[in-house]
Amino acid sequence: MKAFLFDVDDTLYDQLQPFQRAYLKMFGEPEGVDLERLFSQSRKRGDEVFEASQLGTISMEEMYIYRTQKSFADLELFISPDQALAFQAYYQEFQQKIFLSEECRSMLADLKGRVRLGIITNGPGAHQRNKVKTLGMEEWIPDQDVFVSGELPTAKPDLGIFEYAREQMQLSGEECYYIGDSYENDVCGAVGAGWKCVWFNRRQKPEGAIKPDYMVTTEEELHRLLVSLL
């Protein structure tokens, strides 16, 4: 039986939505501010210090300050460390209100029982598992098939986290498909681990030298593709 393992952030739900809500609550209407670009820069800047935060070289608070200040500065917006932490608090508040779209729920219902389903996600254990719980993923994926980098000595794009998930789920390499939005973490990581890869390129970012097996840009396309792969 094939196995489809998913990323969480910006794959199973639209991560831009809680980011936008946090900005609106803290700063009001974004006059002249491209929130989608700000969000993309926030993810890019977060990736720059993610490994250091996982290793404990910097604290999570320091990571949040760096990510937020740098991404705002990329758009020539300047905020203090206290403002960066306040923004992060609002962001986390709205991440507790994330939800699966009807398209995503329909897709998971079509897949359940026909393939093995799992999750591989980067981030602190409690934080990521809370997102999984908020999304109601236990309806489709058992807790033992959710793998969080913060609970392991490895993180995407390192092949170790893919190998760990494969071994724990007792899968063979050719059965494994990984679905994620990040080119660097998800595409490069899955391809490097020898998995089939579906790049959910929700933000329509440019492709690099490493090619995914499939690329889609909408939830509807993802739904149709995964059903066709059964």
C-alpha atoms as a PDB file:
ATOM      1  CA  MET A   1       0.000   0.000   0.000  1.00  0.00           C
ATOM      2  CA  LYS A   2       1.230   3.494  -0.818  1.00  0.00           C
ATOM      3  CA  ALA A   3       1.776   6.074   1.890  1.00  0.00           C
ATOM      4  CA  PHE A   4       1.091   9.807   1.629  1.00  0.00           C
ATOM      5  CA  LEU A   5       2.785  11.893   4.328  1.00  0.00           C
ATOM      6  CA  PHE A   6       2.010  15.592   4.627  1.00  0.00           C
ATOM      7  CA  ASP A   7       3.688  18.715   5.868  1.00  0.00           C
ATOM      8  CA  VAL A   8       1.451  20.860   8.115  1.00  0.00           C
ATOM      9  CA  ASP A   9       2.128  24.591   7.752  1.00  0.00           C
ATOM     10  CA  ASP A  10       0.893  26.072   4.467  1.00  0.00           C
ATOM     11  CA  THR A  11       0.099  22.564   3.222  1.00  0.00           C
ATOM     12  CA  LEU A  12      -2.808  21.232   5.275  1.00  0.00           C
ATOM     13  CA  TYR A  13      -3.991  24.779   5.956  1.00  0.00           C
ATOM     14  CA  ASP A  14      -3.362  28.241   4.526  1.00  0.00           C
ATOM     15  CA  GLN A  15      -0.759  29.690   6.893  1.00  0.00           C
ATOM     16  CA  LEU A  16      -1.149  33.181   5.445  1.00  0.00           C
ATOM     17  CA  GLN A  17      -4.563  33.528   7.119  1.00  0.00           C
ATOM     18  CA  PRO A  18      -3.411  33.583  10.784  1.00  0.00           C
ATOM     19  CA  PHE A  19      -0.460  35.783   9.761  1.00  0.00           C
ATOM     20  CA  GLN A  20      -2.810  38.314   8.152  1.00  0.00           C
ATOM     21  CA  ARG A  21      -5.111  38.289  11.175  1.00  0.00           C
ATOM     22  CA  ALA A  22      -2.159  38.906  13.503  1.00  0.00           C
ATOM     23  CA  TYR A  23      -1.021  41.871  11.394  1.00  0.00           C
ATOM     24  CA  LEU A  24      -4.512  43.380  11.288  1.00  0.00           C
ATOM     25  CA  LYS A  25      -4.960  43.040  15.041  1.00  0.00           C
ATOM     26  CA  MET A  26      -1.624  44.672  15.831  1.00  0.00           C
ATOM     27  CA  PHE A  27      -1.179  47.251  13.082  1.00  0.00           C
ATOM     28  CA  GLY A  28      -4.580  47.714  11.442  1.00  0.00           C
ATOM     29  CA  GLU A  29      -5.160  47.827   7.706  1.00  0.00           C
ATOM     30  CA  PRO A  30      -1.944  47.166   5.713  1.00  0.00           C
ATOM     31  CA  GLU A  31      -1.702  50.450   3.827  1.00  0.00           C
ATOM     32  CA  GLY A  32       0.852  49.849   1.091  1.00  0.00           C
ATOM     33  CA  VAL A  33       2.145  46.664   2.764  1.00  0.00           C
ATOM     34  CA  ASP A  34       2.238  43.465   0.713  1.00  0.00           C
ATOM     35  CA  LEU A  35       1.228  40.964   3.394  1.00  0.00           C
ATOM     36  CA  GLU A  36       1.869  37.930   1.218  1.00  0.00           C
ATOM     37  CA  ARG A  37       5.434  39.100   0.591  1.00  0.00           C
ATOM     38  CA  LEU A  38       5.880  39.877   4.293  1.00  0.00           C
ATOM     39  CA  PHE A  39       4.650  36.386   5.128  1.00  0.00           C
ATOM     40  CA  SER A  40       7.039  34.811   2.602  1.00  0.00           C
ATOM     41  CA  GLN A  41       9.958  36.762   4.049  1.00  0.00           C
ATOM     42  CA  SER A  42       8.947  35.698   7.547  1.00  0.00           C
ATOM     43  CA  ARG A  43       9.160  32.048   6.543  1.00  0.00           C
ATOM     44  CA  LYS A  44      12.482  32.618   4.781  1.00  0.00           C
ATOM     45  CA  ARG A  45      13.967  34.430   7.776  1.00  0.00           C
ATOM     46  CA  GLY A  46      12.636  31.778  10.130  1.00  0.00           C
ATOM     47  CA  ASP A  47      14.343  29.052   8.114  1.00  0.00           C
ATOM     48  CA  GLU A  48      17.652  30.909   8.507  1.00  0.00           C
ATOM     49  CA  VAL A  49      17.660  30.368  12.271  1.00  0.00           C
ATOM     50  CA  PHE A  50      15.460  27.281  12.604  1.00  0.00           C
ATOM     51  CA  GLU A  51      18.361  24.868  13.065  1.00  0.00           C
ATOM     52  CA  ALA A  52      19.968  27.114  15.694  1.00  0.00           C
ATOM     53  CA  SER A  53      16.682  27.238  17.616  1.00  0.00           C
ATOM     54  CA  GLN A  54      16.337  23.449  17.437  1.00  0.00           C
ATOM     55  CA  LEU A  55      19.894  22.956  18.698  1.00  0.00           C
ATOM     56  CA  GLY A  56      19.358  25.437  21.523  1.00  0.00           C
ATOM     57  CA  THR A  57      22.032  27.801  20.217  1.00  0.00           C
ATOM     58  CA  ILE A  58      19.421  30.544  20.382  1.00  0.00           C
ATOM     59  CA  SER A  59      16.178  30.604  22.355  1.00  0.00           C
ATOM     60  CA  MET A  60      12.763  30.410  20.709  1.00  0.00           C
ATOM     61  CA  GLU A  61      12.187  34.009  21.820  1.00  0.00           C
ATOM     62  CA  GLU A  62      15.374  35.094  20.055  1.00  0.00           C
ATOM     63  CA  MET A  63      14.294  33.183  16.957  1.00  0.00           C
ATOM     64  CA  TYR A  64      10.893  34.928  16.933  1.00  0.00           C
ATOM     65  CA  ILE A  65      12.514  38.355  17.313  1.00  0.00           C
ATOM     66  CA  TYR A  66      15.015  37.676  14.530  1.00  0.00           C
ATOM     67  CA  ARG A  67      12.392  36.285  12.153  1.00  0.00           C
ATOM     68  CA  THR A  68       9.913  39.093  12.687  1.00  0.00           C
ATOM     69  CA  GLN A  69      12.315  42.037  12.764  1.00  0.00           C
ATOM     70  CA  LYS A  70      14.246  40.842   9.713  1.00  0.00           C
ATOM     71  CA  SER A  71      11.156  40.102   7.620  1.00  0.00           C
ATOM     72  CA  PHE A  72       9.624  43.483   8.440  1.00  0.00           C
ATOM     73  CA  ALA A  73      12.943  45.194   7.664  1.00  0.00           C
ATOM     74  CA  ASP A  74      12.988  43.441   4.279  1.00  0.00           C
ATOM     75  CA  LEU A  75       9.929  45.563   3.457  1.00  0.00           C
ATOM     76  CA  GLU A  76      11.495  48.666   5.053  1.00  0.00           C
ATOM     77  CA  LEU A  77       9.282  48.346   8.120  1.00  0.00           C
ATOM     78  CA  PHE A  78      11.044  48.637  11.456  1.00  0.00           C
ATOM     79  CA  ILE A  79       9.775  47.256  14.750  1.00  0.00           C
ATOM     80  CA  SER A  80      11.268  46.791  18.212  1.00  0.00           C
ATOM     81  CA  PRO A  81      12.003  43.432  19.858  1.00  0.00           C
ATOM     82  CA  ASP A  82       8.962  43.925  22.108  1.00  0.00           C
ATOM     83  CA  GLN A  83       6.771  44.565  19.072  1.00  0.00           C
ATOM     84  CA  ALA A  84       8.189  41.468  17.391  1.00  0.00           C
ATOM     85  CA  LEU A  85       7.235  39.338  20.397  1.00  0.00           C
ATOM     86  CA  ALA A  86       3.787  40.924  20.584  1.00  0.00           C
ATOM     87  CA  PHE A  87       3.232  40.116  16.914  1.00  0.00           C
ATOM     88  CA  GLN A  88       4.340  36.524  17.536  1.00  0.00           C
ATOM     89  CA  ALA A  89       1.856  36.262  20.407  1.00  0.00           C
ATOM     90  CA  TYR A  90      -0.993  37.374  18.135  1.00  0.00           C
ATOM     91  CA  TYR A  91       0.211  34.994  15.426  1.00  0.00           C
ATOM     92  CA  GLN A  92       0.158  32.074  17.851  1.00  0.00           C
ATOM     93  CA  GLU A  93      -3.281  33.151  19.076  1.00  0.00           C
ATOM     94  CA  PHE A  94      -4.706  32.906  15.577  1.00  0.00           C
ATOM     95  CA  GLN A  95      -2.836  29.668  14.856  1.00  0.00           C
ATOM     96  CA  GLN A  96      -5.055  28.164  17.546  1.00  0.00           C
ATOM     97  CA  LYS A  97      -8.019  28.934  15.274  1.00  0.00           C
ATOM     98  CA  ILE A  98      -6.753  27.305  12.081  1.00  0.00           C
ATOM     99  CA  PHE A  99      -8.999  24.895  10.204  1.00  0.00           C
ATOM    100  CA  LEU A 100      -9.074  22.523   7.261  1.00  0.00           C
ATOM    101  CA  SER A 101     -10.803  23.777   4.143  1.00  0.00           C
ATOM    102  CA  GLU A 102     -13.732  21.773   2.789  1.00  0.00           C
ATOM    103  CA  GLU A 103     -11.531  20.751  -0.149  1.00  0.00           C
ATOM    104  CA  CYS A 104      -8.860  19.399   2.169  1.00  0.00           C
ATOM    105  CA  ARG A 105     -11.400  17.524   4.288  1.00  0.00           C
ATOM    106  CA  SER A 106     -12.889  15.978   1.153  1.00  0.00           C
ATOM    107  CA  MET A 107      -9.423  14.976  -0.067  1.00  0.00           C
ATOM    108  CA  LEU A 108      -8.532  13.273   3.215  1.00  0.00           C
ATOM    109  CA  ALA A 109     -11.871  11.462   3.257  1.00  0.00           C
ATOM    110  CA  ASP A 110     -11.191  10.156  -0.264  1.00  0.00           C
ATOM    111  CA  LEU A 111      -7.726   8.936   0.779  1.00  0.00           C
ATOM    112  CA  LYS A 112      -8.546   7.362   4.141  1.00  0.00           C
ATOM    113  CA  GLY A 113      -8.396   3.575   4.069  1.00  0.00           C
ATOM    114  CA  ARG A 114      -6.929   3.532   0.563  1.00  0.00           C
ATOM    115  CA  VAL A 115      -3.393   4.682   1.482  1.00  0.00           C
ATOM    116  CA  ARG A 116      -1.386   5.039   4.677  1.00  0.00           C
ATOM    117  CA  LEU A 117      -1.501   8.637   5.880  1.00  0.00           C
ATOM    118  CA  GLY A 118       1.020  10.444   8.053  1.00  0.00           C
ATOM    119  CA  ILE A 119       2.603  13.788   8.893  1.00  0.00           C
ATOM    120  CA  ILE A 120       6.204  15.026   9.039  1.00  0.00           C
ATOM    121  CA  THR A 121       6.509  18.575  10.341  1.00  0.00           C
ATOM    122  CA  ASN A 122       9.275  20.861  11.576  1.00  0.00           C
ATOM    123  CA  GLY A 123       8.887  22.819  14.794  1.00  0.00           C
ATOM    124  CA  PRO A 124       8.559  22.519  18.578  1.00  0.00           C
ATOM    125  CA  GLY A 125       6.743  19.360  19.596  1.00  0.00           C
ATOM    126  CA  ALA A 126       3.891  20.817  21.658  1.00  0.00           C
ATOM    127  CA  HIS A 127       3.336  23.708  19.232  1.00  0.00           C
ATOM    128  CA  GLN A 128       3.079  21.512  16.137  1.00  0.00           C
ATOM    129  CA  ARG A 129       0.989  18.833  17.832  1.00  0.00           C
ATOM    130  CA  ASN A 130      -1.426  21.521  18.989  1.00  0.00           C
ATOM    131  CA  LYS A 131      -1.865  22.575  15.346  1.00  0.00           C
ATOM    132  CA  VAL A 132      -2.487  18.958  14.338  1.00  0.00           C
ATOM    133  CA  LYS A 133      -5.095  18.688  17.094  1.00  0.00           C
ATOM    134  CA  THR A 134      -6.724  22.016  16.173  1.00  0.00           C
ATOM    135  CA  LEU A 135      -7.044  20.822  12.569  1.00  0.00           C
ATOM    136  CA  GLY A 136      -8.748  17.639  13.793  1.00  0.00           C
ATOM    137  CA  MET A 137      -6.256  15.419  12.001  1.00  0.00           C
ATOM    138  CA  GLU A 138      -6.888  12.478  14.352  1.00  0.00           C
ATOM    139  CA  GLU A 139      -9.933  11.726  12.191  1.00  0.00           C
ATOM    140  CA  TRP A 140      -7.557  10.606   9.435  1.00  0.00           C
ATOM    141  CA  ILE A 141      -4.089  10.131  10.937  1.00  0.00           C
ATOM    142  CA  PRO A 142      -3.248   8.317  14.203  1.00  0.00           C
ATOM    143  CA  ASP A 143      -0.973  10.084  16.651  1.00  0.00           C
ATOM    144  CA  GLN A 144       1.816   7.528  16.207  1.00  0.00           C
ATOM    145  CA  ASP A 145       2.080   8.491  12.521  1.00  0.00           C
ATOM    146  CA  VAL A 146       2.735  12.175  13.295  1.00  0.00           C
ATOM    147  CA  PHE A 147       6.468  12.968  13.353  1.00  0.00           C
ATOM    148  CA  VAL A 148       7.637  16.328  14.736  1.00  0.00           C
ATOM    149  CA  SER A 149      11.235  17.500  14.426  1.00  0.00           C
ATOM    150  CA  GLY A 150      11.198  19.070  17.889  1.00  0.00           C
ATOM    151  CA  GLU A 151      10.768  15.602  19.381  1.00  0.00           C
ATOM    152  CA  LEU A 152      13.554  14.067  17.301  1.00  0.00           C
ATOM    153  CA  PRO A 153      17.290  14.651  16.736  1.00  0.00           C
ATOM    154  CA  THR A 154      16.642  15.469  13.076  1.00  0.00           C
ATOM    155  CA  ALA A 155      14.558  17.875  10.993  1.00  0.00           C
ATOM    156  CA  LYS A 156      13.647  18.451   7.353  1.00  0.00           C
ATOM    157  CA  PRO A 157      15.403  18.624   4.928  1.00  0.00           C
ATOM    158  CA  ASP A 158      17.713  16.055   6.562  1.00  0.00           C
ATOM    159  CA  LEU A 159      16.922  12.587   5.253  1.00  0.00           C
ATOM    160  CA  GLY A 160      17.019  11.248   8.824  1.00  0.00           C
ATOM    161  CA  ILE A 161      13.498  12.409   9.655  1.00  0.00           C
ATOM    162  CA  PHE A 162      12.124  10.801   6.490  1.00  0.00           C
ATOM    163  CA  GLU A 163      13.939   7.557   7.257  1.00  0.00           C
ATOM    164  CA  TYR A 164      12.677   7.603  10.838  1.00  0.00           C
ATOM    165  CA  ALA A 165       9.070   8.038   9.688  1.00  0.00           C
ATOM    166  CA  ARG A 166       9.447   5.282   7.092  1.00  0.00           C
ATOM    167  CA  GLU A 167      10.878   2.862   9.642  1.00  0.00           C
ATOM    168  CA  GLN A 168       8.267   3.661  12.287  1.00  0.00           C
ATOM    169  CA  MET A 169       5.435   3.168   9.786  1.00  0.00           C
ATOM    170  CA  GLN A 170       7.178   0.074   8.352  1.00  0.00           C
ATOM    171  CA  LEU A 171       7.069   1.345   4.779  1.00  0.00           C
ATOM    172  CA  SER A 172       9.284   0.574   1.819  1.00  0.00           C
ATOM    173  CA  GLY A 173      10.885   3.528   0.051  1.00  0.00           C
ATOM    174  CA  GLU A 174       8.990   3.149  -3.202  1.00  0.00           C
ATOM    175  CA  GLU A 175       5.654   3.400  -1.370  1.00  0.00           C
ATOM    176  CA  CYS A 176       6.383   6.810   0.141  1.00  0.00           C
ATOM    177  CA  TYR A 177       5.071  10.114  -1.169  1.00  0.00           C
ATOM    178  CA  TYR A 178       5.672  13.400   0.621  1.00  0.00           C
ATOM    179  CA  ILE A 179       3.425  16.428   0.115  1.00  0.00           C
ATOM    180  CA  GLY A 180       4.681  19.836   1.209  1.00  0.00           C
ATOM    181  CA  ASP A 181       4.912  23.507   0.321  1.00  0.00           C
ATOM    182  CA  SER A 182       8.569  24.317   1.059  1.00  0.00           C
ATOM    183  CA  TYR A 183      10.980  23.802  -1.816  1.00  0.00           C
ATOM    184  CA  GLU A 184      14.044  23.677   0.438  1.00  0.00           C
ATOM    185  CA  ASN A 185      12.628  21.560   3.264  1.00  0.00           C
ATOM    186  CA  ASP A 186      10.018  19.429   1.546  1.00  0.00           C
ATOM    187  CA  VAL A 187      11.071  18.982  -2.077  1.00  0.00           C
ATOM    188  CA  CYS A 188      14.820  18.787  -1.489  1.00  0.00           C
ATOM    189  CA  GLY A 189      14.345  16.728   1.659  1.00  0.00           C
ATOM    190  CA  ALA A 190      11.953  14.171   0.179  1.00  0.00           C
ATOM    191  CA  VAL A 191      13.879  13.770  -3.083  1.00  0.00           C
ATOM    192  CA  GLY A 192      17.118  13.411  -1.127  1.00  0.00           C
ATOM    193  CA  ALA A 193      15.528  10.639   0.927  1.00  0.00           C
ATOM    194  CA  GLY A 194      14.459   8.789  -2.217  1.00  0.00           C
ATOM    195  CA  TRP A 195      10.746   9.505  -1.784  1.00  0.00           C
ATOM    196  CA  LYS A 196       8.278  10.585  -4.426  1.00  0.00           C
ATOM    197  CA  CYS A 197       7.502  14.257  -3.926  1.00  0.00           C
ATOM    198  CA  VAL A 198       4.425  16.390  -4.539  1.00  0.00           C
ATOM    199  CA  TRP A 199       5.264  20.072  -4.283  1.00  0.00           C
ATOM    200  CA  PHE A 200       2.193  22.024  -3.200  1.00  0.00           C
ATOM    201  CA  ASN A 201       3.514  25.316  -4.521  1.00  0.00           C
ATOM    202  CA  ARG A 202       0.719  27.406  -3.039  1.00  0.00           C
ATOM    203  CA  ARG A 203       2.767  30.628  -3.315  1.00  0.00           C
ATOM    204  CA  GLN A 204       3.984  29.825  -6.858  1.00  0.00           C
ATOM    205  CA  LYS A 205       7.672  30.107  -6.034  1.00  0.00           C
ATOM    206  CA  PRO A 206      10.383  29.427  -8.642  1.00  0.00           C
ATOM    207  CA  GLU A 207      11.660  25.894  -9.033  1.00  0.00           C
ATOM    208  CA  GLY A 208      15.297  25.021  -8.327  1.00  0.00           C
ATOM    209  CA  ALA A 209      17.655  22.401  -9.720  1.00  0.00           C
ATOM    210  CA  ILE A 210      16.074  19.524  -7.786  1.00  0.00           C
ATOM    211  CA  LYS A 211      12.785  18.593  -9.427  1.00  0.00           C
ATOM    212  CA  PRO A 212       9.684  17.309  -7.626  1.00  0.00           C
ATOM    213  CA  ASP A 213       7.811  14.412  -9.193  1.00  0.00           C
ATOM    214  CA  TYR A 214       4.644  16.504  -9.279  1.00  0.00           C
ATOM    215  CA  MET A 215       3.739  20.138  -8.684  1.00  0.00           C
ATOM    216  CA  VAL A 216       0.325  21.657  -7.965  1.00  0.00           C
ATOM    217  CA  THR A 217      -0.683  25.171  -6.938  1.00  0.00           C
ATOM    218  CA  THR A 218      -4.227  24.754  -5.567  1.00  0.00           C
ATOM    219  CA  GLU A 219      -5.994  22.441  -3.145  1.00  0.00           C
ATOM    220  CA  GLU A 220      -8.285  21.297  -5.948  1.00  0.00           C
ATOM    221  CA  GLU A 221      -5.297  20.254  -8.070  1.00  0.00           C
ATOM    222  CA  LEU A 222      -3.747  18.474  -5.100  1.00  0.00           C
ATOM    223  CA  HIS A 223      -6.969  16.573  -4.429  1.00  0.00           C
ATOM    224  CA  ARG A 224      -7.272  15.411  -8.036  1.00  0.00           C
ATOM    225  CA  LEU A 225      -3.604  14.422  -8.239  1.00  0.00           C
ATOM    226  CA  LEU A 226      -3.534  12.355  -5.054  1.00  0.00           C
ATOM    227  CA  VAL A 227      -6.706  10.491  -5.986  1.00  0.00           C
ATOM    228  CA  SER A 228      -5.206   9.754  -9.415  1.00  0.00           C
ATOM    229  CA  LEU A 229      -2.138   8.238  -7.716  1.00  0.00           C
ATOM    230  CA  LEU A 230      -4.147   5.678  -5.747  1.00  0.00           C
END
